[in-house]
Every structure is written in C-alpha cells, then in structure tokens.
Amino acid sequence: MCLGYVPIGLAFGVLAQKAGFSMPEVGLMSVLVFAGSAQFIGVAMWQGGAGALAIVATTFVVNLRHVLMSSSLAPYLKRCRPGFVTVFSYGVTDESFAVNLGRFRDQSWDPKRALILNQAANACWVVSTVAGAGAGQFIPERAFGIDYALIAMFLCLLVFQLRGRIYVMTGLIAGVLALGLSLLVPGNLHVVTASIAAATIGYAVRDRKRGT
C-alpha cells in the first residue's frame, strides 16, 4: 500500500507546488487533512480562485465517506480504549480501510496491526507529498501521467472489493448514479450521494437475501 502512496504523494506534491504551495505548507496539509482526494480537490479549487469557505465545505462533503468506512470498522475495535480508537480513526483512509477490512474479515488481523498500517501509510504519505513539493520545480506538471495516479489506485481498490455479485451490483449502481448525478449536482457532492445511495441499496438487498 505504501508503494502505491509514493507516486500519488509525489504527484500531489508536484501539483501543489505548481499551485503555489511551499514544502512546509504541503507537509502541514498532509498532516492535518491526510486525505488524498480532498487534498487534490482543495489544491485544484485554490488554483481556480475558490474561497476558503468553499474549499472547506467541499472537502468536508467529500470526506463524509469516512463516516461509512469508520462504521464498518467499528465492530472490530469495540474492545479498544477510546484513546486508541481516536488515534486509529485519524489514520483511516480509503486504502487502509480496504486493506484492514479485508484482513479483519479473514480473521487474520488485529487492531494493533491495523494501527501500525495506518500510521505507516500516514508517514509515507507525508514524506512523499513533501518530496513531491520539493521536486515540483524540476518536474513538468503532467509528466509520467502523475495526474492519473490517484484514479488508478481507486480503481485497484474497487477491484479488490468485488468479492461477489452483491458487491459488483453495488459498484455498478454507484457508478451509474455518480455519472447521472454529475449532470445535475454541482461540485463533487454527486460522488458522496451516489456512494451513500448505492451502499444503502446494496445493504438492503443483502439483508433481504439473508432473511429469505
């Protein structure tokens, strides 16, 4: 997972540097936000002249998916202390969520290992973004396809989660809804809306099948 973070972190650092952010600013953003998609969106909006309130509101909406991810991980952390859960929740990302949830389901994982994974990913992300910001002045903005790195990782995570018909159906519903809502809903709200709707439908279908 950390190997996947390196090119994405470098890509973000380069793009942030091109948008006018310094290395300390990039590092601080990575520590405080620690959400690749939100950081990419925030930098793009900043570069486009958006105000601080609009950026905060947009990134908040985009990161609402963490509520769904955290609720899925909660049953595996119910015996942990509040302090442990607080530190753990800071490190929850799309990638760490996918890896940890898969390991928890296979019963080959424990909260301490999951926490180590989260913090290792966090350190790798921060270092990579700062390094990218430092090298940004020497790298063309779209060199080596770095602007596609985040999309590629999300596609890989999606494939790993398709373990049955219900998951394939949920993924297809989310994709169709997101595409349709993108024509109606401004900003990135369509992504969150489609994700919540598809997850709700998938859960309802699975629950109904279990009851029959």
N, C-alpha and C. Protein backbone atom coordinates (compact mmCIF):
# COMPACT_ATOMS: atom_id res chain seq x y z
N MET A 1 0.81 -1.20 0.00
CA MET A 1 0.00 0.00 0.00
C MET A 1 0.85 1.26 0.00
N CYS A 2 1.92 1.23 0.79
CA CYS A 2 2.81 2.39 0.83
C CYS A 2 3.49 2.62 -0.51
N LEU A 3 3.78 1.53 -1.23
CA LEU A 3 4.37 1.68 -2.55
C LEU A 3 3.41 2.40 -3.49
N GLY A 4 2.12 2.19 -3.29
CA GLY A 4 1.13 2.90 -4.09
C GLY A 4 1.01 4.35 -3.69
N TYR A 5 1.28 4.65 -2.41
CA TYR A 5 1.20 6.03 -1.93
C TYR A 5 2.30 6.91 -2.50
N VAL A 6 3.46 6.32 -2.76
CA VAL A 6 4.61 7.12 -3.19
C VAL A 6 4.32 7.91 -4.47
N PRO A 7 3.90 7.27 -5.57
CA PRO A 7 3.65 8.05 -6.78
C PRO A 7 2.51 9.04 -6.63
N ILE A 8 1.48 8.67 -5.85
CA ILE A 8 0.36 9.58 -5.64
C ILE A 8 0.79 10.77 -4.80
N GLY A 9 1.57 10.50 -3.74
CA GLY A 9 2.07 11.59 -2.91
C GLY A 9 2.98 12.52 -3.68
N LEU A 10 3.85 11.96 -4.49
CA LEU A 10 4.72 12.78 -5.33
C LEU A 10 3.90 13.61 -6.30
N ALA A 11 2.86 12.99 -6.88
CA ALA A 11 2.00 13.71 -7.82
C ALA A 11 1.31 14.88 -7.14
N PHE A 12 0.79 14.63 -5.94
CA PHE A 12 0.14 15.73 -5.22
C PHE A 12 1.12 16.83 -4.89
N GLY A 13 2.31 16.45 -4.43
CA GLY A 13 3.32 17.46 -4.10
C GLY A 13 3.68 18.33 -5.29
N VAL A 14 3.83 17.70 -6.45
CA VAL A 14 4.15 18.45 -7.67
C VAL A 14 3.02 19.41 -8.02
N LEU A 15 1.78 18.91 -8.01
CA LEU A 15 0.64 19.75 -8.35
C LEU A 15 0.46 20.89 -7.36
N ALA A 16 0.67 20.60 -6.08
CA ALA A 16 0.55 21.65 -5.06
C ALA A 16 1.62 22.71 -5.24
N GLN A 17 2.83 22.28 -5.57
CA GLN A 17 3.91 23.23 -5.81
C GLN A 17 3.59 24.11 -7.01
N LYS A 18 3.01 23.52 -8.05
CA LYS A 18 2.63 24.29 -9.23
C LYS A 18 1.53 25.30 -8.90
N ALA A 19 0.72 24.98 -7.88
CA ALA A 19 -0.37 25.87 -7.49
C ALA A 19 0.09 26.97 -6.55
N GLY A 20 1.37 26.92 -6.14
CA GLY A 20 1.91 27.97 -5.30
C GLY A 20 2.13 27.61 -3.85
N PHE A 21 1.97 26.35 -3.48
CA PHE A 21 2.18 25.93 -2.09
C PHE A 21 3.65 25.62 -1.85
N SER A 22 4.14 25.99 -0.66
CA SER A 22 5.52 25.70 -0.29
C SER A 22 5.62 24.30 0.31
N MET A 23 6.84 23.82 0.50
CA MET A 23 7.04 22.50 1.09
C MET A 23 6.43 22.40 2.50
N PRO A 24 6.67 23.38 3.39
CA PRO A 24 6.05 23.30 4.72
C PRO A 24 4.52 23.30 4.65
N GLU A 25 3.96 24.07 3.74
CA GLU A 25 2.50 24.12 3.60
C GLU A 25 1.95 22.79 3.11
N VAL A 26 2.65 22.17 2.19
CA VAL A 26 2.23 20.86 1.69
C VAL A 26 2.30 19.82 2.81
N GLY A 27 3.39 19.85 3.58
CA GLY A 27 3.54 18.92 4.69
C GLY A 27 2.47 19.12 5.74
N LEU A 28 2.16 20.37 6.07
CA LEU A 28 1.14 20.66 7.07
C LEU A 28 -0.23 20.20 6.60
N MET A 29 -0.52 20.40 5.32
CA MET A 29 -1.80 19.95 4.78
C MET A 29 -1.92 18.43 4.86
N SER A 30 -0.83 17.74 4.55
CA SER A 30 -0.85 16.27 4.57
C SER A 30 -1.03 15.74 5.98
N VAL A 31 -0.47 16.44 6.97
CA VAL A 31 -0.60 16.01 8.36
C VAL A 31 -2.01 16.29 8.89
N LEU A 32 -2.54 17.47 8.60
CA LEU A 32 -3.83 17.87 9.15
C LEU A 32 -5.01 17.26 8.40
N VAL A 33 -4.90 17.14 7.09
CA VAL A 33 -6.01 16.63 6.29
C VAL A 33 -5.89 15.12 6.08
N PHE A 34 -4.74 14.68 5.60
CA PHE A 34 -4.45 13.27 5.35
C PHE A 34 -5.59 12.58 4.60
N ALA A 35 -5.94 13.16 3.47
CA ALA A 35 -6.97 12.58 2.60
C ALA A 35 -6.64 12.99 1.18
N GLY A 36 -6.09 12.05 0.42
CA GLY A 36 -5.58 12.38 -0.90
C GLY A 36 -6.59 13.05 -1.80
N SER A 37 -7.79 12.50 -1.91
CA SER A 37 -8.79 13.08 -2.81
C SER A 37 -9.16 14.49 -2.38
N ALA A 38 -9.35 14.70 -1.07
CA ALA A 38 -9.69 16.03 -0.57
C ALA A 38 -8.56 17.02 -0.81
N GLN A 39 -7.33 16.57 -0.67
CA GLN A 39 -6.19 17.46 -0.89
C GLN A 39 -6.06 17.83 -2.36
N PHE A 40 -6.26 16.88 -3.25
CA PHE A 40 -6.23 17.18 -4.68
C PHE A 40 -7.32 18.19 -5.04
N ILE A 41 -8.52 17.96 -4.50
CA ILE A 41 -9.64 18.86 -4.78
C ILE A 41 -9.37 20.24 -4.20
N GLY A 42 -8.85 20.28 -2.97
CA GLY A 42 -8.56 21.57 -2.33
C GLY A 42 -7.55 22.38 -3.11
N VAL A 43 -6.49 21.74 -3.57
CA VAL A 43 -5.47 22.44 -4.35
C VAL A 43 -6.05 22.93 -5.68
N ALA A 44 -6.86 22.09 -6.32
CA ALA A 44 -7.46 22.48 -7.60
C ALA A 44 -8.39 23.68 -7.42
N MET A 45 -9.18 23.67 -6.34
CA MET A 45 -10.08 24.79 -6.09
C MET A 45 -9.31 26.06 -5.75
N TRP A 46 -8.24 25.91 -4.97
CA TRP A 46 -7.40 27.06 -4.63
C TRP A 46 -6.79 27.67 -5.88
N GLN A 47 -6.31 26.80 -6.76
CA GLN A 47 -5.70 27.27 -8.00
C GLN A 47 -6.75 27.94 -8.90
N GLY A 48 -8.00 27.50 -8.76
CA GLY A 48 -9.07 28.08 -9.57
C GLY A 48 -9.66 29.34 -8.98
N GLY A 49 -9.15 29.77 -7.82
CA GLY A 49 -9.61 31.02 -7.23
C GLY A 49 -10.77 30.88 -6.25
N ALA A 50 -11.08 29.68 -5.81
CA ALA A 50 -12.18 29.48 -4.86
C ALA A 50 -11.80 30.03 -3.49
N GLY A 51 -12.81 30.44 -2.73
CA GLY A 51 -12.59 30.97 -1.39
C GLY A 51 -12.35 29.87 -0.37
N ALA A 52 -11.83 30.26 0.79
CA ALA A 52 -11.51 29.29 1.83
C ALA A 52 -12.75 28.54 2.31
N LEU A 53 -13.88 29.25 2.47
CA LEU A 53 -15.10 28.61 2.95
C LEU A 53 -15.59 27.55 1.97
N ALA A 54 -15.53 27.86 0.69
CA ALA A 54 -15.96 26.90 -0.34
C ALA A 54 -15.08 25.66 -0.34
N ILE A 55 -13.78 25.86 -0.15
CA ILE A 55 -12.84 24.73 -0.13
C ILE A 55 -13.10 23.85 1.09
N VAL A 56 -13.28 24.47 2.25
CA VAL A 56 -13.55 23.71 3.48
C VAL A 56 -14.85 22.93 3.35
N ALA A 57 -15.89 23.58 2.84
CA ALA A 57 -17.19 22.91 2.71
C ALA A 57 -17.11 21.74 1.73
N THR A 58 -16.42 21.94 0.62
CA THR A 58 -16.32 20.88 -0.38
C THR A 58 -15.54 19.68 0.14
N THR A 59 -14.40 19.94 0.76
CA THR A 59 -13.59 18.84 1.28
C THR A 59 -14.31 18.12 2.42
N PHE A 60 -15.11 18.86 3.19
CA PHE A 60 -15.89 18.22 4.25
C PHE A 60 -16.90 17.24 3.66
N VAL A 61 -17.58 17.67 2.62
CA VAL A 61 -18.57 16.80 1.98
C VAL A 61 -17.90 15.58 1.36
N VAL A 62 -16.77 15.81 0.68
CA VAL A 62 -16.04 14.71 0.05
C VAL A 62 -15.60 13.69 1.10
N ASN A 63 -15.20 14.15 2.27
CA ASN A 63 -14.70 13.26 3.31
C ASN A 63 -15.80 12.63 4.16
N LEU A 64 -17.05 12.93 3.86
CA LEU A 64 -18.14 12.31 4.62
C LEU A 64 -18.15 10.79 4.46
N ARG A 65 -17.52 10.29 3.40
CA ARG A 65 -17.47 8.85 3.21
C ARG A 65 -16.73 8.15 4.35
N HIS A 66 -15.90 8.91 5.08
CA HIS A 66 -15.18 8.33 6.21
C HIS A 66 -16.13 7.87 7.31
N VAL A 67 -17.31 8.49 7.38
CA VAL A 67 -18.30 8.06 8.36
C VAL A 67 -18.73 6.62 8.06
N LEU A 68 -18.96 6.34 6.77
CA LEU A 68 -19.35 4.99 6.37
C LEU A 68 -18.22 3.99 6.62
N MET A 69 -17.00 4.38 6.27
CA MET A 69 -15.87 3.48 6.46
C MET A 69 -15.63 3.20 7.94
N SER A 70 -15.70 4.23 8.75
CA SER A 70 -15.46 4.06 10.19
C SER A 70 -16.52 3.18 10.83
N SER A 71 -17.77 3.33 10.39
CA SER A 71 -18.84 2.49 10.95
C SER A 71 -18.64 1.02 10.60
N SER A 72 -18.02 0.76 9.44
CA SER A 72 -17.74 -0.63 9.05
C SER A 72 -16.61 -1.23 9.88
N LEU A 73 -15.67 -0.40 10.30
CA LEU A 73 -14.54 -0.87 11.10
C LEU A 73 -14.85 -0.93 12.59
N ALA A 74 -15.87 -0.20 13.02
CA ALA A 74 -16.19 -0.08 14.44
C ALA A 74 -16.35 -1.41 15.16
N PRO A 75 -17.04 -2.41 14.58
CA PRO A 75 -17.21 -3.68 15.30
C PRO A 75 -15.90 -4.37 15.67
N TYR A 76 -14.86 -4.12 14.90
CA TYR A 76 -13.57 -4.77 15.16
C TYR A 76 -12.74 -4.01 16.20
N LEU A 77 -13.24 -2.84 16.62
CA LEU A 77 -12.50 -2.02 17.58
C LEU A 77 -13.28 -1.81 18.87
N LYS A 78 -14.36 -2.54 19.05
CA LYS A 78 -15.24 -2.29 20.19
C LYS A 78 -14.59 -2.58 21.54
N ARG A 79 -13.54 -3.36 21.57
CA ARG A 79 -12.85 -3.66 22.83
C ARG A 79 -11.67 -2.73 23.08
N CYS A 80 -11.41 -1.83 22.17
CA CYS A 80 -10.26 -0.92 22.30
C CYS A 80 -10.63 0.30 23.14
N ARG A 81 -9.63 0.90 23.75
CA ARG A 81 -9.84 2.09 24.56
C ARG A 81 -10.12 3.30 23.66
N PRO A 82 -10.83 4.31 24.21
CA PRO A 82 -11.16 5.50 23.42
C PRO A 82 -9.93 6.19 22.82
N GLY A 83 -8.84 6.26 23.60
CA GLY A 83 -7.63 6.89 23.08
C GLY A 83 -7.07 6.16 21.87
N PHE A 84 -7.11 4.83 21.93
CA PHE A 84 -6.63 4.02 20.80
C PHE A 84 -7.51 4.26 19.58
N VAL A 85 -8.82 4.29 19.79
CA VAL A 85 -9.75 4.49 18.68
C VAL A 85 -9.55 5.87 18.06
N THR A 86 -9.27 6.87 18.89
CA THR A 86 -9.04 8.22 18.38
C THR A 86 -7.84 8.27 17.45
N VAL A 87 -6.73 7.67 17.90
CA VAL A 87 -5.52 7.64 17.08
C VAL A 87 -5.76 6.80 15.82
N PHE A 88 -6.47 5.70 15.98
CA PHE A 88 -6.75 4.83 14.83
C PHE A 88 -7.59 5.56 13.79
N SER A 89 -8.60 6.29 14.24
CA SER A 89 -9.52 6.96 13.32
C SER A 89 -8.81 8.02 12.48
N TYR A 90 -7.77 8.62 13.05
CA TYR A 90 -7.00 9.62 12.30
C TYR A 90 -6.38 9.01 11.04
N GLY A 91 -6.01 7.74 11.12
CA GLY A 91 -5.31 7.11 10.01
C GLY A 91 -6.20 6.38 9.02
N VAL A 92 -7.52 6.48 9.17
CA VAL A 92 -8.42 5.78 8.26
C VAL A 92 -8.47 6.50 6.91
N THR A 93 -8.07 5.81 5.87
CA THR A 93 -8.17 6.32 4.50
C THR A 93 -8.85 5.25 3.65
N ASP A 94 -9.12 5.58 2.40
CA ASP A 94 -9.75 4.60 1.52
C ASP A 94 -8.89 3.34 1.42
N GLU A 95 -7.59 3.55 1.29
CA GLU A 95 -6.68 2.43 1.09
C GLU A 95 -6.53 1.58 2.36
N SER A 96 -6.28 2.24 3.49
CA SER A 96 -6.12 1.49 4.74
C SER A 96 -7.42 0.82 5.14
N PHE A 97 -8.54 1.47 4.85
CA PHE A 97 -9.84 0.87 5.14
C PHE A 97 -10.02 -0.43 4.36
N ALA A 98 -9.71 -0.40 3.06
CA ALA A 98 -9.87 -1.58 2.22
C ALA A 98 -8.99 -2.73 2.71
N VAL A 99 -7.74 -2.42 3.02
CA VAL A 99 -6.81 -3.45 3.47
C VAL A 99 -7.21 -3.99 4.84
N ASN A 100 -7.47 -3.09 5.79
CA ASN A 100 -7.81 -3.52 7.15
C ASN A 100 -9.12 -4.31 7.19
N LEU A 101 -10.13 -3.83 6.47
CA LEU A 101 -11.41 -4.53 6.50
C LEU A 101 -11.28 -5.93 5.91
N GLY A 102 -10.53 -6.05 4.83
CA GLY A 102 -10.32 -7.36 4.24
C GLY A 102 -9.61 -8.31 5.18
N ARG A 103 -8.59 -7.81 5.88
CA ARG A 103 -7.86 -8.65 6.84
C ARG A 103 -8.73 -9.00 8.05
N PHE A 104 -9.50 -8.03 8.52
CA PHE A 104 -10.39 -8.31 9.66
C PHE A 104 -11.41 -9.40 9.30
N ARG A 105 -11.95 -9.32 8.10
CA ARG A 105 -12.94 -10.30 7.67
C ARG A 105 -12.33 -11.69 7.55
N ASP A 106 -11.07 -11.75 7.18
CA ASP A 106 -10.37 -13.03 7.07
C ASP A 106 -9.91 -13.56 8.42
N GLN A 107 -10.15 -12.76 9.48
CA GLN A 107 -9.76 -13.12 10.85
C GLN A 107 -8.26 -13.35 10.97
N SER A 108 -7.50 -12.61 10.19
CA SER A 108 -6.04 -12.73 10.25
C SER A 108 -5.40 -11.42 10.67
N TRP A 109 -6.16 -10.58 11.39
CA TRP A 109 -5.72 -9.23 11.71
C TRP A 109 -6.14 -8.88 13.12
N ASP A 110 -5.53 -7.86 13.67
CA ASP A 110 -5.92 -7.36 14.99
C ASP A 110 -5.75 -5.84 15.00
N PRO A 111 -6.38 -5.13 15.95
CA PRO A 111 -6.34 -3.67 15.97
C PRO A 111 -4.94 -3.08 15.99
N LYS A 112 -4.00 -3.70 16.70
CA LYS A 112 -2.65 -3.16 16.77
C LYS A 112 -1.96 -3.18 15.41
N ARG A 113 -2.12 -4.26 14.69
CA ARG A 113 -1.54 -4.33 13.35
C ARG A 113 -2.20 -3.32 12.43
N ALA A 114 -3.51 -3.17 12.58
CA ALA A 114 -4.23 -2.20 11.76
C ALA A 114 -3.74 -0.78 12.05
N LEU A 115 -3.48 -0.48 13.32
CA LEU A 115 -2.98 0.84 13.69
C LEU A 115 -1.60 1.08 13.09
N ILE A 116 -0.74 0.08 13.14
CA ILE A 116 0.60 0.21 12.56
C ILE A 116 0.50 0.48 11.06
N LEU A 117 -0.41 -0.22 10.40
CA LEU A 117 -0.62 0.00 8.97
C LEU A 117 -1.05 1.43 8.70
N ASN A 118 -2.01 1.93 9.50
CA ASN A 118 -2.49 3.30 9.33
C ASN A 118 -1.38 4.32 9.48
N GLN A 119 -0.57 4.17 10.53
CA GLN A 119 0.47 5.15 10.80
C GLN A 119 1.62 5.06 9.79
N ALA A 120 1.91 3.85 9.32
CA ALA A 120 2.94 3.71 8.29
C ALA A 120 2.49 4.39 7.00
N ALA A 121 1.22 4.22 6.67
CA ALA A 121 0.68 4.88 5.48
C ALA A 121 0.71 6.39 5.63
N ASN A 122 0.39 6.87 6.84
CA ASN A 122 0.42 8.31 7.10
C ASN A 122 1.81 8.88 6.91
N ALA A 123 2.81 8.22 7.48
CA ALA A 123 4.19 8.69 7.36
C ALA A 123 4.65 8.68 5.91
N CYS A 124 4.30 7.63 5.19
CA CYS A 124 4.68 7.51 3.79
C CYS A 124 4.03 8.62 2.96
N TRP A 125 2.78 8.92 3.26
CA TRP A 125 2.06 9.96 2.53
C TRP A 125 2.68 11.33 2.76
N VAL A 126 2.94 11.66 4.01
CA VAL A 126 3.51 12.97 4.33
C VAL A 126 4.87 13.15 3.68
N VAL A 127 5.73 12.15 3.81
CA VAL A 127 7.08 12.23 3.23
C VAL A 127 7.00 12.35 1.72
N SER A 128 6.13 11.58 1.09
CA SER A 128 6.01 11.59 -0.37
C SER A 128 5.51 12.94 -0.89
N THR A 129 4.53 13.52 -0.20
CA THR A 129 3.99 14.80 -0.67
C THR A 129 5.01 15.92 -0.52
N VAL A 130 5.74 15.90 0.59
CA VAL A 130 6.78 16.92 0.79
C VAL A 130 7.89 16.76 -0.25
N ALA A 131 8.27 15.51 -0.52
CA ALA A 131 9.29 15.26 -1.53
C ALA A 131 8.81 15.72 -2.90
N GLY A 132 7.54 15.49 -3.20
CA GLY A 132 6.99 15.94 -4.47
C GLY A 132 6.99 17.45 -4.59
N ALA A 133 6.69 18.13 -3.47
CA ALA A 133 6.71 19.59 -3.49
C ALA A 133 8.12 20.11 -3.72
N GLY A 134 9.11 19.42 -3.14
CA GLY A 134 10.49 19.83 -3.33
C GLY A 134 10.97 19.61 -4.75
N ALA A 135 10.49 18.53 -5.37
CA ALA A 135 10.93 18.22 -6.73
C ALA A 135 10.04 18.85 -7.79
N GLY A 136 8.95 19.48 -7.35
CA GLY A 136 7.99 20.02 -8.30
C GLY A 136 8.55 21.02 -9.28
N GLN A 137 9.52 21.80 -8.84
CA GLN A 137 10.08 22.82 -9.73
C GLN A 137 10.90 22.21 -10.86
N PHE A 138 11.25 20.94 -10.73
CA PHE A 138 12.05 20.28 -11.76
C PHE A 138 11.23 19.33 -12.63
N ILE A 139 9.95 19.12 -12.28
CA ILE A 139 9.12 18.14 -12.98
C ILE A 139 7.95 18.85 -13.66
N PRO A 140 7.74 18.61 -14.96
CA PRO A 140 6.57 19.17 -15.64
C PRO A 140 5.29 18.67 -14.99
N GLU A 141 4.24 19.46 -15.03
CA GLU A 141 3.01 19.17 -14.28
C GLU A 141 2.38 17.83 -14.65
N ARG A 142 2.36 17.46 -15.92
CA ARG A 142 1.70 16.23 -16.35
C ARG A 142 2.69 15.16 -16.78
N ALA A 143 3.91 15.25 -16.33
CA ALA A 143 4.93 14.27 -16.72
C ALA A 143 4.62 12.90 -16.13
N PHE A 144 4.88 11.86 -16.88
CA PHE A 144 4.77 10.47 -16.44
C PHE A 144 3.34 10.08 -16.04
N GLY A 145 2.35 10.88 -16.40
CA GLY A 145 0.97 10.54 -16.06
C GLY A 145 0.67 10.65 -14.58
N ILE A 146 1.39 11.51 -13.86
CA ILE A 146 1.21 11.60 -12.41
C ILE A 146 -0.17 12.11 -12.03
N ASP A 147 -0.84 12.81 -12.96
CA ASP A 147 -2.17 13.31 -12.65
C ASP A 147 -3.23 12.20 -12.64
N TYR A 148 -2.84 10.99 -13.10
CA TYR A 148 -3.76 9.86 -13.14
C TYR A 148 -3.52 8.87 -12.00
N ALA A 149 -2.51 9.12 -11.20
CA ALA A 149 -2.10 8.15 -10.18
C ALA A 149 -3.21 7.86 -9.17
N LEU A 150 -3.91 8.88 -8.69
CA LEU A 150 -4.94 8.68 -7.67
C LEU A 150 -6.11 7.87 -8.24
N ILE A 151 -6.49 8.17 -9.47
CA ILE A 151 -7.59 7.43 -10.11
C ILE A 151 -7.24 5.96 -10.24
N ALA A 152 -6.01 5.68 -10.62
CA ALA A 152 -5.56 4.30 -10.79
C ALA A 152 -5.64 3.52 -9.48
N MET A 153 -5.25 4.15 -8.37
CA MET A 153 -5.30 3.46 -7.08
C MET A 153 -6.74 3.17 -6.67
N PHE A 154 -7.64 4.12 -6.89
CA PHE A 154 -9.03 3.90 -6.53
C PHE A 154 -9.64 2.76 -7.34
N LEU A 155 -9.27 2.65 -8.61
CA LEU A 155 -9.75 1.55 -9.45
C LEU A 155 -9.26 0.21 -8.92
N CYS A 156 -8.00 0.16 -8.50
CA CYS A 156 -7.45 -1.07 -7.93
C CYS A 156 -8.18 -1.47 -6.65
N LEU A 157 -8.46 -0.48 -5.79
CA LEU A 157 -9.18 -0.76 -4.55
C LEU A 157 -10.58 -1.29 -4.83
N LEU A 158 -11.22 -0.73 -5.85
CA LEU A 158 -12.56 -1.19 -6.22
C LEU A 158 -12.54 -2.65 -6.65
N VAL A 159 -11.58 -3.00 -7.48
CA VAL A 159 -11.48 -4.38 -7.97
C VAL A 159 -11.29 -5.36 -6.82
N PHE A 160 -10.47 -4.99 -5.83
CA PHE A 160 -10.22 -5.87 -4.70
C PHE A 160 -11.46 -6.09 -3.84
N GLN A 161 -12.41 -5.16 -3.90
CA GLN A 161 -13.62 -5.27 -3.07
C GLN A 161 -14.74 -6.05 -3.76
N LEU A 162 -14.58 -6.35 -5.04
CA LEU A 162 -15.63 -7.05 -5.79
C LEU A 162 -15.53 -8.55 -5.55
N ARG A 163 -16.03 -9.00 -4.39
CA ARG A 163 -15.90 -10.40 -3.99
C ARG A 163 -17.19 -11.19 -4.19
N GLY A 164 -18.16 -10.64 -4.83
CA GLY A 164 -19.42 -11.34 -5.05
C GLY A 164 -20.37 -10.51 -5.88
N ARG A 165 -21.49 -11.09 -6.26
CA ARG A 165 -22.45 -10.39 -7.11
C ARG A 165 -22.98 -9.12 -6.45
N ILE A 166 -23.24 -9.19 -5.15
CA ILE A 166 -23.80 -8.04 -4.46
C ILE A 166 -22.85 -6.85 -4.50
N TYR A 167 -21.54 -7.13 -4.42
CA TYR A 167 -20.55 -6.05 -4.45
C TYR A 167 -20.39 -5.49 -5.86
N VAL A 168 -20.46 -6.37 -6.85
CA VAL A 168 -20.41 -5.91 -8.24
C VAL A 168 -21.62 -5.04 -8.55
N MET A 169 -22.79 -5.48 -8.09
CA MET A 169 -24.01 -4.72 -8.32
C MET A 169 -23.93 -3.35 -7.65
N THR A 170 -23.44 -3.33 -6.41
CA THR A 170 -23.32 -2.06 -5.68
C THR A 170 -22.36 -1.12 -6.38
N GLY A 171 -21.24 -1.64 -6.87
CA GLY A 171 -20.28 -0.82 -7.59
C GLY A 171 -20.86 -0.24 -8.87
N LEU A 172 -21.62 -1.06 -9.61
CA LEU A 172 -22.24 -0.59 -10.84
C LEU A 172 -23.29 0.48 -10.56
N ILE A 173 -24.08 0.27 -9.52
CA ILE A 173 -25.10 1.26 -9.15
C ILE A 173 -24.45 2.58 -8.78
N ALA A 174 -23.37 2.51 -8.00
CA ALA A 174 -22.67 3.73 -7.60
C ALA A 174 -22.12 4.46 -8.82
N GLY A 175 -21.55 3.72 -9.76
CA GLY A 175 -21.00 4.34 -10.96
C GLY A 175 -22.06 5.01 -11.81
N VAL A 176 -23.19 4.32 -12.02
CA VAL A 176 -24.27 4.87 -12.83
C VAL A 176 -24.88 6.10 -12.16
N LEU A 177 -25.12 6.00 -10.84
CA LEU A 177 -25.68 7.14 -10.11
C LEU A 177 -24.75 8.34 -10.12
N ALA A 178 -23.45 8.08 -9.91
CA ALA A 178 -22.48 9.18 -9.90
C ALA A 178 -22.44 9.88 -11.25
N LEU A 179 -22.48 9.09 -12.32
CA LEU A 179 -22.46 9.67 -13.66
C LEU A 179 -23.71 10.49 -13.93
N GLY A 180 -24.87 9.94 -13.54
CA GLY A 180 -26.11 10.67 -13.76
C GLY A 180 -26.22 11.93 -12.91
N LEU A 181 -25.85 11.81 -11.63
CA LEU A 181 -25.94 12.96 -10.73
C LEU A 181 -24.93 14.05 -11.06
N SER A 182 -23.83 13.68 -11.72
CA SER A 182 -22.82 14.69 -12.09
C SER A 182 -23.40 15.72 -13.04
N LEU A 183 -24.45 15.34 -13.74
CA LEU A 183 -25.10 16.27 -14.68
C LEU A 183 -26.10 17.18 -13.97
N LEU A 184 -26.45 16.82 -12.73
CA LEU A 184 -27.48 17.56 -12.01
C LEU A 184 -26.97 18.27 -10.77
N VAL A 185 -25.99 17.66 -10.10
CA VAL A 185 -25.50 18.19 -8.82
C VAL A 185 -24.16 18.89 -9.02
N PRO A 186 -24.01 20.12 -8.55
CA PRO A 186 -22.74 20.84 -8.72
C PRO A 186 -21.64 20.31 -7.82
N GLY A 187 -20.40 20.59 -8.18
CA GLY A 187 -19.26 20.19 -7.35
C GLY A 187 -19.08 18.69 -7.33
N ASN A 188 -18.60 18.19 -6.17
CA ASN A 188 -18.32 16.76 -6.02
C ASN A 188 -19.33 16.06 -5.13
N LEU A 189 -20.44 16.72 -4.86
CA LEU A 189 -21.46 16.14 -3.99
C LEU A 189 -22.07 14.88 -4.60
N HIS A 190 -22.06 14.79 -5.93
CA HIS A 190 -22.66 13.63 -6.59
C HIS A 190 -21.94 12.33 -6.23
N VAL A 191 -20.63 12.42 -5.95
CA VAL A 191 -19.86 11.22 -5.60
C VAL A 191 -20.32 10.67 -4.25
N VAL A 192 -20.43 11.56 -3.27
CA VAL A 192 -20.86 11.15 -1.93
C VAL A 192 -22.30 10.64 -1.96
N THR A 193 -23.17 11.37 -2.66
CA THR A 193 -24.58 10.98 -2.75
C THR A 193 -24.73 9.60 -3.39
N ALA A 194 -24.01 9.38 -4.48
CA ALA A 194 -24.09 8.09 -5.17
C ALA A 194 -23.55 6.96 -4.29
N SER A 195 -22.48 7.23 -3.56
CA SER A 195 -21.88 6.21 -2.69
C SER A 195 -22.84 5.80 -1.58
N ILE A 196 -23.46 6.79 -0.94
CA ILE A 196 -24.40 6.50 0.15
C ILE A 196 -25.62 5.74 -0.38
N ALA A 197 -26.15 6.19 -1.51
CA ALA A 197 -27.34 5.54 -2.09
C ALA A 197 -27.04 4.10 -2.49
N ALA A 198 -25.90 3.89 -3.16
CA ALA A 198 -25.54 2.54 -3.61
C ALA A 198 -25.28 1.62 -2.43
N ALA A 199 -24.59 2.13 -1.40
CA ALA A 199 -24.31 1.32 -0.21
C ALA A 199 -25.61 0.94 0.50
N THR A 200 -26.56 1.87 0.55
CA THR A 200 -27.85 1.59 1.19
C THR A 200 -28.62 0.52 0.42
N ILE A 201 -28.62 0.65 -0.91
CA ILE A 201 -29.32 -0.34 -1.74
C ILE A 201 -28.66 -1.71 -1.60
N GLY A 202 -27.33 -1.73 -1.66
CA GLY A 202 -26.61 -3.00 -1.53
C GLY A 202 -26.86 -3.67 -0.20
N TYR A 203 -26.85 -2.87 0.87
CA TYR A 203 -27.11 -3.42 2.21
C TYR A 203 -28.52 -3.98 2.31
N ALA A 204 -29.49 -3.24 1.75
CA ALA A 204 -30.88 -3.69 1.80
C ALA A 204 -31.07 -4.99 1.04
N VAL A 205 -30.45 -5.10 -0.13
CA VAL A 205 -30.57 -6.32 -0.93
C VAL A 205 -29.93 -7.50 -0.20
N ARG A 206 -28.74 -7.29 0.36
CA ARG A 206 -28.06 -8.37 1.08
C ARG A 206 -28.86 -8.80 2.31
N ASP A 207 -29.41 -7.81 3.03
CA ASP A 207 -30.19 -8.12 4.23
C ASP A 207 -31.45 -8.90 3.87
N ARG A 208 -32.05 -8.55 2.74
CA ARG A 208 -33.26 -9.24 2.30
C ARG A 208 -32.96 -10.68 1.91
N LYS A 209 -31.82 -10.89 1.25
CA LYS A 209 -31.44 -12.25 0.85
C LYS A 209 -31.16 -13.12 2.06
N ARG A 210 -30.56 -12.53 3.09
CA ARG A 210 -30.26 -13.29 4.30
C ARG A 210 -31.53 -13.67 5.03
N GLY A 211 -32.56 -12.83 4.89
CA GLY A 211 -33.81 -13.10 5.58
C GLY A 211 -34.70 -14.11 4.88
N THR A 212 -34.37 -14.43 3.62
CA THR A 212 -35.19 -15.38 2.87
C THR A 212 -34.60 -16.78 2.89
